[in-house]
Amino acid sequence: MDAIDAARAVVKDHHPDARAAFLGGSVLTARRTATSDLDIVVLLHGSPAPYRASLQHGEWPVEMFVHTEATWHAYVEREVRKRRSPLLWMCADGLLLLDADGVGARLAAQARKLTVAGPPPVSAEEIDDRRYAITDLLDDLAGSTDRSERLFIATELVRRTGELALAVGGSWNGGGKWLARRLETMAPELAMRLHDGMREVLEGRIESLVAAVAEVLEQAGGRLWAGYKRGGTP
């Protein structure tokens, strides 16, 4: 079954009285793979929303995100503060499957407006937290001679460096494949250098990765370790 037809069938089977529904994610793009699932956002009048569920529809794996209009706004607001909102992007870039009363078109327009406006600015405190964590990882990488340790240190270093670059650049953040995609869009050269640096770490060389990470750190204010301090919760 075609992805769009399958998505409409899922909504009809599970929520025939839905106000609106969107199909988002990679399945509608050139990045679709053999394991792409159907990411479906459903808008209801009330209960049992909000909830999310994973299910199987024929040969299609499905992730369903079910909201009321009020919970959609609440979840989006919370996610936007973190500068990473899958729900927002599924509605901004997704296909509007059905729209019984206009709420779908309204939320789609708002989602597109928010994505274009970009995420809120990152705080100086968060930048310092990220600088500190990356500095610590660089020291660990330089000091380690264990191949297994280096693998996991470098993996964490690449992730955190990508996130810092996006934060400094004022771009939306992402996780997993979406971190890679956001970074490829904002800083394709950096994305390639991190990729190549990670490959060299697996071959026993850390210099290229360290150099790429150091450049991102400099853009954020440089290394930070001595003098870093954060209060705890009593």
Foldseek 3Di string as FASTA:
>chain_A
DQLLVQLVVVCCVPPVPWQWKWWFDPCVDPPDDPQDATEMETEHQDPPPQDWDWDDDPPHTYIYGYHHLVVLVVQQVVCLQVLADPSLRRLQVTDISDHNDCPSVVSNVVSVVVQVVAGDADDLVVLLVLLAVLLVLVVVLVPDPDLVSNLVSLVVNLQSLLVLLCNLVRHRDDDDVVSLVRCCVVPVVLSVQSVVQSVVSNVPDNVSNVVSSQVSQVSSPGHDDPPDDDDDDD
